[in-house]
Amino acid sequence: MDIVQLCEIGMLVAFGFSWPFNIIKSWRSRTAKGKSVIFEFIVVLGYLVGVLGKFITWRNTGVLAYSIWFYFADIAMVTIDIVLYFRNTRLDRQAENNQA
């Protein structure tokens, strides 16, 4: 593992460190207000492009970078938050219907 991979892993860990807090906030708040699911889909797209780059490098060199596992972890966490967004959207609709 070289310094470039270590820097990439550091970046992925730094980004990934925030997602558990976001997931907890989404779970506890039970609302989708103030959230942008489009932003989260763009983040997943960015991570998928990074994964694609790792697979292209693997195909060309036969070496699969360790950092790919951090991409998968980050994608999993963002996906959990996206699922919670849709749950919370449903809860928001139910609350609005109960008030009407």
PDB file of N, CA and C in Angstrom:
ATOM      1  N   MET A   1       0.862  -1.175   0.000  1.00  0.00           N
ATOM      2  CA  MET A   1       0.000   0.000   0.000  1.00  0.00           C
ATOM      3  C   MET A   1       0.907   1.237   0.000  1.00  0.00           C
ATOM      4  N   ASP A   2       0.622   2.154  -0.912  1.00  0.00           N
ATOM      5  CA  ASP A   2       1.454   3.347  -1.028  1.00  0.00           C
ATOM      6  C   ASP A   2       0.768   4.558  -0.390  1.00  0.00           C
ATOM      7  N   ILE A   3       1.457   5.686  -0.399  1.00  0.00           N
ATOM      8  CA  ILE A   3       0.950   6.898   0.243  1.00  0.00           C
ATOM      9  C   ILE A   3      -0.316   7.407  -0.448  1.00  0.00           C
ATOM     10  N   VAL A   4      -0.421   7.196  -1.751  1.00  0.00           N
ATOM     11  CA  VAL A   4      -1.622   7.641  -2.474  1.00  0.00           C
ATOM     12  C   VAL A   4      -2.847   6.882  -1.967  1.00  0.00           C
ATOM     13  N   GLN A   5      -2.701   5.566  -1.803  1.00  0.00           N
ATOM     14  CA  GLN A   5      -3.820   4.774  -1.278  1.00  0.00           C
ATOM     15  C   GLN A   5      -4.149   5.174   0.152  1.00  0.00           C
ATOM     16  N   LEU A   6      -3.144   5.434   0.954  1.00  0.00           N
ATOM     17  CA  LEU A   6      -3.382   5.861   2.333  1.00  0.00           C
ATOM     18  C   LEU A   6      -4.139   7.185   2.376  1.00  0.00           C
ATOM     19  N   CYS A   7      -3.772   8.110   1.501  1.00  0.00           N
ATOM     20  CA  CYS A   7      -4.480   9.392   1.445  1.00  0.00           C
ATOM     21  C   CYS A   7      -5.935   9.195   1.015  1.00  0.00           C
ATOM     22  N   GLU A   8      -6.139   8.327   0.030  1.00  0.00           N
ATOM     23  CA  GLU A   8      -7.503   8.053  -0.431  1.00  0.00           C
ATOM     24  C   GLU A   8      -8.330   7.409   0.676  1.00  0.00           C
ATOM     25  N   ILE A   9      -7.747   6.460   1.370  1.00  0.00           N
ATOM     26  CA  ILE A   9      -8.451   5.819   2.487  1.00  0.00           C
ATOM     27  C   ILE A   9      -8.755   6.849   3.564  1.00  0.00           C
ATOM     28  N   GLY A  10      -7.810   7.739   3.843  1.00  0.00           N
ATOM     29  CA  GLY A  10      -8.047   8.800   4.825  1.00  0.00           C
ATOM     30  C   GLY A  10      -9.221   9.677   4.435  1.00  0.00           C
ATOM     31  N   MET A  11      -9.315  10.023   3.145  1.00  0.00           N
ATOM     32  CA  MET A  11     -10.432  10.825   2.662  1.00  0.00           C
ATOM     33  C   MET A  11     -11.751  10.079   2.825  1.00  0.00           C
ATOM     34  N   LEU A  12     -11.745   8.800   2.458  1.00  0.00           N
ATOM     35  CA  LEU A  12     -12.973   8.005   2.566  1.00  0.00           C
ATOM     36  C   LEU A  12     -13.391   7.818   4.027  1.00  0.00           C
ATOM     37  N   VAL A  13     -12.443   7.636   4.917  1.00  0.00           N
ATOM     38  CA  VAL A  13     -12.750   7.502   6.346  1.00  0.00           C
ATOM     39  C   VAL A  13     -13.324   8.820   6.877  1.00  0.00           C
ATOM     40  N   ALA A  14     -12.728   9.936   6.463  1.00  0.00           N
ATOM     41  CA  ALA A  14     -13.227  11.236   6.923  1.00  0.00           C
ATOM     42  C   ALA A  14     -14.662  11.466   6.456  1.00  0.00           C
ATOM     43  N   PHE A  15     -14.930  11.184   5.176  1.00  0.00           N
ATOM     44  CA  PHE A  15     -16.301  11.327   4.693  1.00  0.00           C
ATOM     45  C   PHE A  15     -17.221  10.321   5.381  1.00  0.00           C
ATOM     46  N   GLY A  16     -16.753   9.096   5.495  1.00  0.00           N
ATOM     47  CA  GLY A  16     -17.559   8.036   6.089  1.00  0.00           C
ATOM     48  C   GLY A  16     -17.846   8.243   7.562  1.00  0.00           C
ATOM     49  N   PHE A  17     -16.988   8.976   8.248  1.00  0.00           N
ATOM     50  CA  PHE A  17     -17.169   9.216   9.678  1.00  0.00           C
ATOM     51  C   PHE A  17     -18.448  10.001   9.960  1.00  0.00           C
ATOM     52  N   SER A  18     -18.859  10.845   9.023  1.00  0.00           N
ATOM     53  CA  SER A  18     -20.051  11.669   9.255  1.00  0.00           C
ATOM     54  C   SER A  18     -21.355  10.909   9.037  1.00  0.00           C
ATOM     55  N   TRP A  19     -21.346   9.851   8.241  1.00  0.00           N
ATOM     56  CA  TRP A  19     -22.597   9.183   7.901  1.00  0.00           C
ATOM     57  C   TRP A  19     -23.295   8.521   9.087  1.00  0.00           C
ATOM     58  N   PRO A  20     -22.597   7.869  10.004  1.00  0.00           N
ATOM     59  CA  PRO A  20     -23.329   7.302  11.145  1.00  0.00           C
ATOM     60  C   PRO A  20     -24.105   8.358  11.937  1.00  0.00           C
ATOM     61  N   PHE A  21     -23.527   9.549  12.075  1.00  0.00           N
ATOM     62  CA  PHE A  21     -24.234  10.615  12.784  1.00  0.00           C
ATOM     63  C   PHE A  21     -25.474  11.053  12.008  1.00  0.00           C
ATOM     64  N   ASN A  22     -25.350  11.112  10.698  1.00  0.00           N
ATOM     65  CA  ASN A  22     -26.480  11.479   9.855  1.00  0.00           C
ATOM     66  C   ASN A  22     -27.573  10.417   9.915  1.00  0.00           C
ATOM     67  N   ILE A  23     -27.178   9.145   9.924  1.00  0.00           N
ATOM     68  CA  ILE A  23     -28.132   8.045  10.019  1.00  0.00           C
ATOM     69  C   ILE A  23     -28.883   8.112  11.351  1.00  0.00           C
ATOM     70  N   ILE A  24     -28.180   8.330  12.431  1.00  0.00           N
ATOM     71  CA  ILE A  24     -28.811   8.430  13.752  1.00  0.00           C
ATOM     72  C   ILE A  24     -29.792   9.601  13.793  1.00  0.00           C
ATOM     73  N   LYS A  25     -29.377  10.734  13.225  1.00  0.00           N
ATOM     74  CA  LYS A  25     -30.261  11.900  13.196  1.00  0.00           C
ATOM     75  C   LYS A  25     -31.523  11.606  12.386  1.00  0.00           C
ATOM     76  N   SER A  26     -31.344  10.943  11.231  1.00  0.00           N
ATOM     77  CA  SER A  26     -32.507  10.585  10.403  1.00  0.00           C
ATOM     78  C   SER A  26     -33.435   9.630  11.133  1.00  0.00           C
ATOM     79  N   TRP A  27     -32.866   8.660  11.838  1.00  0.00           N
ATOM     80  CA  TRP A  27     -33.663   7.677  12.570  1.00  0.00           C
ATOM     81  C   TRP A  27     -34.460   8.343  13.684  1.00  0.00           C
ATOM     82  N   ARG A  28     -33.794   9.195  14.448  1.00  0.00           N
ATOM     83  CA  ARG A  28     -34.440   9.815  15.612  1.00  0.00           C
ATOM     84  C   ARG A  28     -35.427  10.905  15.235  1.00  0.00           C
ATOM     85  N   SER A  29     -35.114  11.686  14.206  1.00  0.00           N
ATOM     86  CA  SER A  29     -35.965  12.833  13.865  1.00  0.00           C
ATOM     87  C   SER A  29     -37.307  12.414  13.287  1.00  0.00           C
ATOM     88  N   ARG A  30     -37.322  11.273  12.585  1.00  0.00           N
ATOM     89  CA  ARG A  30     -38.542  10.748  11.975  1.00  0.00           C
ATOM     90  C   ARG A  30     -39.187  11.737  11.015  1.00  0.00           C
ATOM     91  N   THR A  31     -38.360  12.581  10.382  1.00  0.00           N
ATOM     92  CA  THR A  31     -38.845  13.515   9.367  1.00  0.00           C
ATOM     93  C   THR A  31     -37.800  13.630   8.266  1.00  0.00           C
ATOM     94  N   ALA A  32     -38.295  13.886   7.055  1.00  0.00           N
ATOM     95  CA  ALA A  32     -37.410  14.085   5.912  1.00  0.00           C
ATOM     96  C   ALA A  32     -37.211  15.575   5.632  1.00  0.00           C
ATOM     97  N   LYS A  33     -37.820  16.412   6.441  1.00  0.00           N
ATOM     98  CA  LYS A  33     -37.705  17.853   6.234  1.00  0.00           C
ATOM     99  C   LYS A  33     -36.249  18.286   6.399  1.00  0.00           C
ATOM    100  N   GLY A  34     -35.793  19.059   5.433  1.00  0.00           N
ATOM    101  CA  GLY A  34     -34.421  19.544   5.465  1.00  0.00           C
ATOM    102  C   GLY A  34     -33.411  18.603   4.833  1.00  0.00           C
ATOM    103  N   LYS A  35     -33.861  17.462   4.361  1.00  0.00           N
ATOM    104  CA  LYS A  35     -32.962  16.491   3.730  1.00  0.00           C
ATOM    105  C   LYS A  35     -33.080  16.597   2.210  1.00  0.00           C
ATOM    106  N   SER A  36     -31.997  16.267   1.528  1.00  0.00           N
ATOM    107  CA  SER A  36     -31.998  16.243   0.072  1.00  0.00           C
ATOM    108  C   SER A  36     -31.593  14.859  -0.397  1.00  0.00           C
ATOM    109  N   VAL A  37     -32.572  14.090  -0.861  1.00  0.00           N
ATOM    110  CA  VAL A  37     -32.284  12.758  -1.350  1.00  0.00           C
ATOM    111  C   VAL A  37     -31.494  12.831  -2.659  1.00  0.00           C
ATOM    112  N   ILE A  38     -31.681  13.893  -3.423  1.00  0.00           N
ATOM    113  CA  ILE A  38     -30.905  14.063  -4.657  1.00  0.00           C
ATOM    114  C   ILE A  38     -29.420  14.185  -4.323  1.00  0.00           C
ATOM    115  N   PHE A  39     -29.103  14.956  -3.293  1.00  0.00           N
ATOM    116  CA  PHE A  39     -27.717  15.083  -2.846  1.00  0.00           C
ATOM    117  C   PHE A  39     -27.140  13.715  -2.495  1.00  0.00           C
ATOM    118  N   GLU A  40     -27.910  12.921  -1.778  1.00  0.00           N
ATOM    119  CA  GLU A  40     -27.419  11.610  -1.365  1.00  0.00           C
ATOM    120  C   GLU A  40     -27.217  10.681  -2.563  1.00  0.00           C
ATOM    121  N   PHE A  41     -28.100  10.752  -3.554  1.00  0.00           N
ATOM    122  CA  PHE A  41     -27.906   9.951  -4.762  1.00  0.00           C
ATOM    123  C   PHE A  41     -26.650  10.400  -5.517  1.00  0.00           C
ATOM    124  N   ILE A  42     -26.382  11.701  -5.531  1.00  0.00           N
ATOM    125  CA  ILE A  42     -25.172  12.203  -6.180  1.00  0.00           C
ATOM    126  C   ILE A  42     -23.931  11.718  -5.441  1.00  0.00           C
ATOM    127  N   VAL A  43     -23.985  11.679  -4.120  1.00  0.00           N
ATOM    128  CA  VAL A  43     -22.868  11.165  -3.338  1.00  0.00           C
ATOM    129  C   VAL A  43     -22.618   9.694  -3.675  1.00  0.00           C
ATOM    130  N   VAL A  44     -23.689   8.895  -3.733  1.00  0.00           N
ATOM    131  CA  VAL A  44     -23.537   7.480  -4.100  1.00  0.00           C
ATOM    132  C   VAL A  44     -22.948   7.365  -5.502  1.00  0.00           C
ATOM    133  N   LEU A  45     -23.424   8.189  -6.428  1.00  0.00           N
ATOM    134  CA  LEU A  45     -22.874   8.180  -7.781  1.00  0.00           C
ATOM    135  C   LEU A  45     -21.371   8.463  -7.759  1.00  0.00           C
ATOM    136  N   GLY A  46     -20.956   9.433  -6.967  1.00  0.00           N
ATOM    137  CA  GLY A  46     -19.533   9.740  -6.846  1.00  0.00           C
ATOM    138  C   GLY A  46     -18.741   8.559  -6.320  1.00  0.00           C
ATOM    139  N   TYR A  47     -19.270   7.898  -5.303  1.00  0.00           N
ATOM    140  CA  TYR A  47     -18.593   6.715  -4.766  1.00  0.00           C
ATOM    141  C   TYR A  47     -18.535   5.605  -5.813  1.00  0.00           C
ATOM    142  N   LEU A  48     -19.608   5.430  -6.581  1.00  0.00           N
ATOM    143  CA  LEU A  48     -19.627   4.387  -7.619  1.00  0.00           C
ATOM    144  C   LEU A  48     -18.602   4.672  -8.716  1.00  0.00           C
ATOM    145  N   VAL A  49     -18.411   5.937  -9.046  1.00  0.00           N
ATOM    146  CA  VAL A  49     -17.375   6.296 -10.014  1.00  0.00           C
ATOM    147  C   VAL A  49     -16.002   5.929  -9.451  1.00  0.00           C
ATOM    148  N   GLY A  50     -15.792   6.163  -8.160  1.00  0.00           N
ATOM    149  CA  GLY A  50     -14.541   5.753  -7.526  1.00  0.00           C
ATOM    150  C   GLY A  50     -14.335   4.251  -7.584  1.00  0.00           C
ATOM    151  N   VAL A  51     -15.404   3.492  -7.339  1.00  0.00           N
ATOM    152  CA  VAL A  51     -15.337   2.025  -7.418  1.00  0.00           C
ATOM    153  C   VAL A  51     -15.020   1.601  -8.848  1.00  0.00           C
ATOM    154  N   LEU A  52     -15.654   2.235  -9.819  1.00  0.00           N
ATOM    155  CA  LEU A  52     -15.373   1.927 -11.217  1.00  0.00           C
ATOM    156  C   LEU A  52     -13.892   2.139 -11.528  1.00  0.00           C
ATOM    157  N   GLY A  53     -13.334   3.222 -11.029  1.00  0.00           N
ATOM    158  CA  GLY A  53     -11.912   3.476 -11.223  1.00  0.00           C
ATOM    159  C   GLY A  53     -11.045   2.376 -10.640  1.00  0.00           C
ATOM    160  N   LYS A  54     -11.438   1.866  -9.484  1.00  0.00           N
ATOM    161  CA  LYS A  54     -10.681   0.774  -8.847  1.00  0.00           C
ATOM    162  C   LYS A  54     -10.763  -0.501  -9.689  1.00  0.00           C
ATOM    163  N   PHE A  55     -11.944  -0.773 -10.246  1.00  0.00           N
ATOM    164  CA  PHE A  55     -12.083  -1.967 -11.081  1.00  0.00           C
ATOM    165  C   PHE A  55     -11.317  -1.827 -12.399  1.00  0.00           C
ATOM    166  N   ILE A  56     -11.286  -0.620 -12.957  1.00  0.00           N
ATOM    167  CA  ILE A  56     -10.501  -0.402 -14.176  1.00  0.00           C
ATOM    168  C   ILE A  56      -9.016  -0.622 -13.891  1.00  0.00           C
ATOM    169  N   THR A  57      -8.550  -0.090 -12.760  1.00  0.00           N
ATOM    170  CA  THR A  57      -7.152  -0.301 -12.375  1.00  0.00           C
ATOM    171  C   THR A  57      -6.874  -1.783 -12.156  1.00  0.00           C
ATOM    172  N   TRP A  58      -7.797  -2.474 -11.520  1.00  0.00           N
ATOM    173  CA  TRP A  58      -7.649  -3.919 -11.278  1.00  0.00           C
ATOM    174  C   TRP A  58      -7.553  -4.685 -12.595  1.00  0.00           C
ATOM    175  N   ARG A  59      -8.414  -4.305 -13.537  1.00  0.00           N
ATOM    176  CA  ARG A  59      -8.400  -4.967 -14.845  1.00  0.00           C
ATOM    177  C   ARG A  59      -7.078  -4.734 -15.577  1.00  0.00           C
ATOM    178  N   ASN A  60      -6.537  -3.523 -15.442  1.00  0.00           N
ATOM    179  CA  ASN A  60      -5.306  -3.176 -16.158  1.00  0.00           C
ATOM    180  C   ASN A  60      -4.042  -3.689 -15.480  1.00  0.00           C
ATOM    181  N   THR A  61      -4.086  -3.793 -14.149  1.00  0.00           N
ATOM    182  CA  THR A  61      -2.860  -4.142 -13.417  1.00  0.00           C
ATOM    183  C   THR A  61      -2.947  -5.470 -12.681  1.00  0.00           C
ATOM    184  N   GLY A  62      -4.164  -5.956 -12.450  1.00  0.00           N
ATOM    185  CA  GLY A  62      -4.337  -7.162 -11.650  1.00  0.00           C
ATOM    186  C   GLY A  62      -4.292  -6.903 -10.156  1.00  0.00           C
ATOM    187  N   VAL A  63      -4.224  -5.626  -9.765  1.00  0.00           N
ATOM    188  CA  VAL A  63      -4.154  -5.252  -8.348  1.00  0.00           C
ATOM    189  C   VAL A  63      -5.445  -4.523  -7.968  1.00  0.00           C
ATOM    190  N   LEU A  64      -6.148  -5.077  -6.987  1.00  0.00           N
ATOM    191  CA  LEU A  64      -7.365  -4.440  -6.480  1.00  0.00           C
ATOM    192  C   LEU A  64      -6.997  -3.678  -5.209  1.00  0.00           C
ATOM    193  N   ALA A  65      -7.205  -2.382  -5.227  1.00  0.00           N
ATOM    194  CA  ALA A  65      -6.810  -1.517  -4.107  1.00  0.00           C
ATOM    195  C   ALA A  65      -7.647  -1.799  -2.862  1.00  0.00           C
ATOM    196  N   TYR A  66      -6.997  -1.728  -1.711  1.00  0.00           N
ATOM    197  CA  TYR A  66      -7.684  -1.912  -0.435  1.00  0.00           C
ATOM    198  C   TYR A  66      -8.770  -0.856  -0.215  1.00  0.00           C
ATOM    199  N   SER A  67      -8.579   0.304  -0.797  1.00  0.00           N
ATOM    200  CA  SER A  67      -9.523   1.396  -0.572  1.00  0.00           C
ATOM    201  C   SER A  67     -10.923   1.080  -1.075  1.00  0.00           C
ATOM    202  N   ILE A  68     -11.059   0.094  -1.941  1.00  0.00           N
ATOM    203  CA  ILE A  68     -12.384  -0.232  -2.480  1.00  0.00           C
ATOM    204  C   ILE A  68     -13.354  -0.611  -1.364  1.00  0.00           C
ATOM    205  N   TRP A  69     -12.846  -1.234  -0.312  1.00  0.00           N
ATOM    206  CA  TRP A  69     -13.729  -1.635   0.803  1.00  0.00           C
ATOM    207  C   TRP A  69     -14.290  -0.432   1.540  1.00  0.00           C
ATOM    208  N   PHE A  70     -13.530   0.666   1.578  1.00  0.00           N
ATOM    209  CA  PHE A  70     -14.023   1.881   2.212  1.00  0.00           C
ATOM    210  C   PHE A  70     -15.108   2.535   1.350  1.00  0.00           C
ATOM    211  N   TYR A  71     -14.953   2.438   0.032  1.00  0.00           N
ATOM    212  CA  TYR A  71     -16.023   2.909  -0.857  1.00  0.00           C
ATOM    213  C   TYR A  71     -17.314   2.133  -0.580  1.00  0.00           C
ATOM    214  N   PHE A  72     -17.204   0.811  -0.484  1.00  0.00           N
ATOM    215  CA  PHE A  72     -18.390  -0.008  -0.235  1.00  0.00           C
ATOM    216  C   PHE A  72     -19.026   0.331   1.115  1.00  0.00           C
ATOM    217  N   ALA A  73     -18.212   0.562   2.134  1.00  0.00           N
ATOM    218  CA  ALA A  73     -18.746   0.930   3.455  1.00  0.00           C
ATOM    219  C   ALA A  73     -19.486   2.264   3.384  1.00  0.00           C
ATOM    220  N   ASP A  74     -18.896   3.241   2.690  1.00  0.00           N
ATOM    221  CA  ASP A  74     -19.537   4.546   2.576  1.00  0.00           C
ATOM    222  C   ASP A  74     -20.838   4.447   1.771  1.00  0.00           C
ATOM    223  N   ILE A  75     -20.815   3.671   0.687  1.00  0.00           N
ATOM    224  CA  ILE A  75     -22.037   3.482  -0.110  1.00  0.00           C
ATOM    225  C   ILE A  75     -23.129   2.850   0.748  1.00  0.00           C
ATOM    226  N   ALA A  76     -22.767   1.871   1.558  1.00  0.00           N
ATOM    227  CA  ALA A  76     -23.756   1.209   2.423  1.00  0.00           C
ATOM    228  C   ALA A  76     -24.379   2.206   3.394  1.00  0.00           C
ATOM    229  N   MET A  77     -23.548   3.061   3.990  1.00  0.00           N
ATOM    230  CA  MET A  77     -24.084   4.025   4.955  1.00  0.00           C
ATOM    231  C   MET A  77     -24.993   5.055   4.289  1.00  0.00           C
ATOM    232  N   VAL A  78     -24.604   5.548   3.118  1.00  0.00           N
ATOM    233  CA  VAL A  78     -25.461   6.508   2.420  1.00  0.00           C
ATOM    234  C   VAL A  78     -26.767   5.837   2.002  1.00  0.00           C
ATOM    235  N   THR A  79     -26.691   4.596   1.582  1.00  0.00           N
ATOM    236  CA  THR A  79     -27.899   3.854   1.200  1.00  0.00           C
ATOM    237  C   THR A  79     -28.846   3.700   2.386  1.00  0.00           C
ATOM    238  N   ILE A  80     -28.308   3.420   3.556  1.00  0.00           N
ATOM    239  CA  ILE A  80     -29.144   3.344   4.762  1.00  0.00           C
ATOM    240  C   ILE A  80     -29.846   4.672   4.992  1.00  0.00           C
ATOM    241  N   ASP A  81     -29.117   5.784   4.830  1.00  0.00           N
ATOM    242  CA  ASP A  81     -29.732   7.093   5.043  1.00  0.00           C
ATOM    243  C   ASP A  81     -30.782   7.382   3.977  1.00  0.00           C
ATOM    244  N   ILE A  82     -30.580   6.911   2.754  1.00  0.00           N
ATOM    245  CA  ILE A  82     -31.590   7.079   1.702  1.00  0.00           C
ATOM    246  C   ILE A  82     -32.855   6.303   2.056  1.00  0.00           C
ATOM    247  N   VAL A  83     -32.702   5.081   2.535  1.00  0.00           N
ATOM    248  CA  VAL A  83     -33.859   4.287   2.960  1.00  0.00           C
ATOM    249  C   VAL A  83     -34.603   5.015   4.083  1.00  0.00           C
ATOM    250  N   LEU A  84     -33.854   5.566   5.022  1.00  0.00           N
ATOM    251  CA  LEU A  84     -34.492   6.314   6.115  1.00  0.00           C
ATOM    252  C   LEU A  84     -35.198   7.567   5.591  1.00  0.00           C
ATOM    253  N   TYR A  85     -34.660   8.190   4.564  1.00  0.00           N
ATOM    254  CA  TYR A  85     -35.322   9.342   3.955  1.00  0.00           C
ATOM    255  C   TYR A  85     -36.716   8.953   3.479  1.00  0.00           C
ATOM    256  N   PHE A  86     -36.801   7.825   2.768  1.00  0.00           N
ATOM    257  CA  PHE A  86     -38.110   7.401   2.263  1.00  0.00           C
ATOM    258  C   PHE A  86     -39.044   6.980   3.394  1.00  0.00           C
ATOM    259  N   ARG A  87     -38.504   6.345   4.433  1.00  0.00           N
ATOM    260  CA  ARG A  87     -39.334   6.032   5.602  1.00  0.00           C
ATOM    261  C   ARG A  87     -39.859   7.323   6.224  1.00  0.00           C
ATOM    262  N   ASN A  88     -38.972   8.293   6.381  1.00  0.00           N
ATOM    263  CA  ASN A  88     -39.362   9.544   7.028  1.00  0.00           C
ATOM    264  C   ASN A  88     -40.331  10.352   6.167  1.00  0.00           C
ATOM    265  N   THR A  89     -40.195  10.261   4.840  1.00  0.00           N
ATOM    266  CA  THR A  89     -41.161  10.918   3.945  1.00  0.00           C
ATOM    267  C   THR A  89     -42.550  10.332   4.155  1.00  0.00           C
ATOM    268  N   ARG A  90     -42.594   9.012   4.274  1.00  0.00           N
ATOM    269  CA  ARG A  90     -43.880   8.343   4.538  1.00  0.00           C
ATOM    270  C   ARG A  90     -44.446   8.790   5.885  1.00  0.00           C
ATOM    271  N   LEU A  91     -43.607   8.877   6.903  1.00  0.00           N
ATOM    272  CA  LEU A  91     -44.060   9.331   8.221  1.00  0.00           C
ATOM    273  C   LEU A  91     -44.548  10.782   8.169  1.00  0.00           C
ATOM    274  N   ASP A  92     -43.867  11.614   7.383  1.00  0.00           N
ATOM    275  CA  ASP A  92     -44.310  13.005   7.228  1.00  0.00           C
ATOM    276  C   ASP A  92     -45.700  13.061   6.600  1.00  0.00           C
ATOM    277  N   ARG A  93     -45.927  12.236   5.557  1.00  0.00           N
ATOM    278  CA  ARG A  93     -47.254  12.204   4.917  1.00  0.00           C
ATOM    279  C   ARG A  93     -48.330  11.732   5.897  1.00  0.00           C
ATOM    280  N   GLN A  94     -48.009  10.711   6.681  1.00  0.00           N
ATOM    281  CA  GLN A  94     -48.980  10.217   7.669  1.00  0.00           C
ATOM    282  C   GLN A  94     -49.312  11.290   8.693  1.00  0.00           C
ATOM    283  N   ALA A  95     -48.305  12.024   9.135  1.00  0.00           N
ATOM    284  CA  ALA A  95     -48.543  13.087  10.129  1.00  0.00           C
ATOM    285  C   ALA A  95     -49.407  14.188   9.517  1.00  0.00           C
ATOM    286  N   GLU A  96     -49.172  14.532   8.251  1.00  0.00           N
ATOM    287  CA  GLU A  96     -49.985  15.559   7.589  1.00  0.00           C
ATOM    288  C   GLU A  96     -51.431  15.085   7.438  1.00  0.00           C
ATOM    289  N   ASN A  97     -51.611  13.809   7.090  1.00  0.00           N
ATOM    290  CA  ASN A  97     -52.965  13.264   6.930  1.00  0.00           C
ATOM    291  C   ASN A  97     -53.708  13.225   8.275  1.00  0.00           C
ATOM    292  N   ASN A  98     -52.988  12.962   9.341  1.00  0.00           N
ATOM    293  CA  ASN A  98     -53.616  12.925  10.663  1.00  0.00           C
ATOM    294  C   ASN A  98     -54.027  14.309  11.130  1.00  0.00           C
ATOM    295  N   GLN A  99     -53.321  15.333  10.680  1.00  0.00           N
ATOM    296  CA  GLN A  99     -53.667  16.704  11.049  1.00  0.00           C
ATOM    297  C   GLN A  99     -54.843  17.223  10.242  1.00  0.00           C
ATOM    298  N   ALA A 100     -55.037  16.670   9.062  1.00  0.00           N
ATOM    299  CA  ALA A 100     -56.116  17.166   8.169  1.00  0.00           C
ATOM    300  C   ALA A 100     -57.473  16.639   8.543  1.00  0.00           C
TER     301      ALA A 100
END
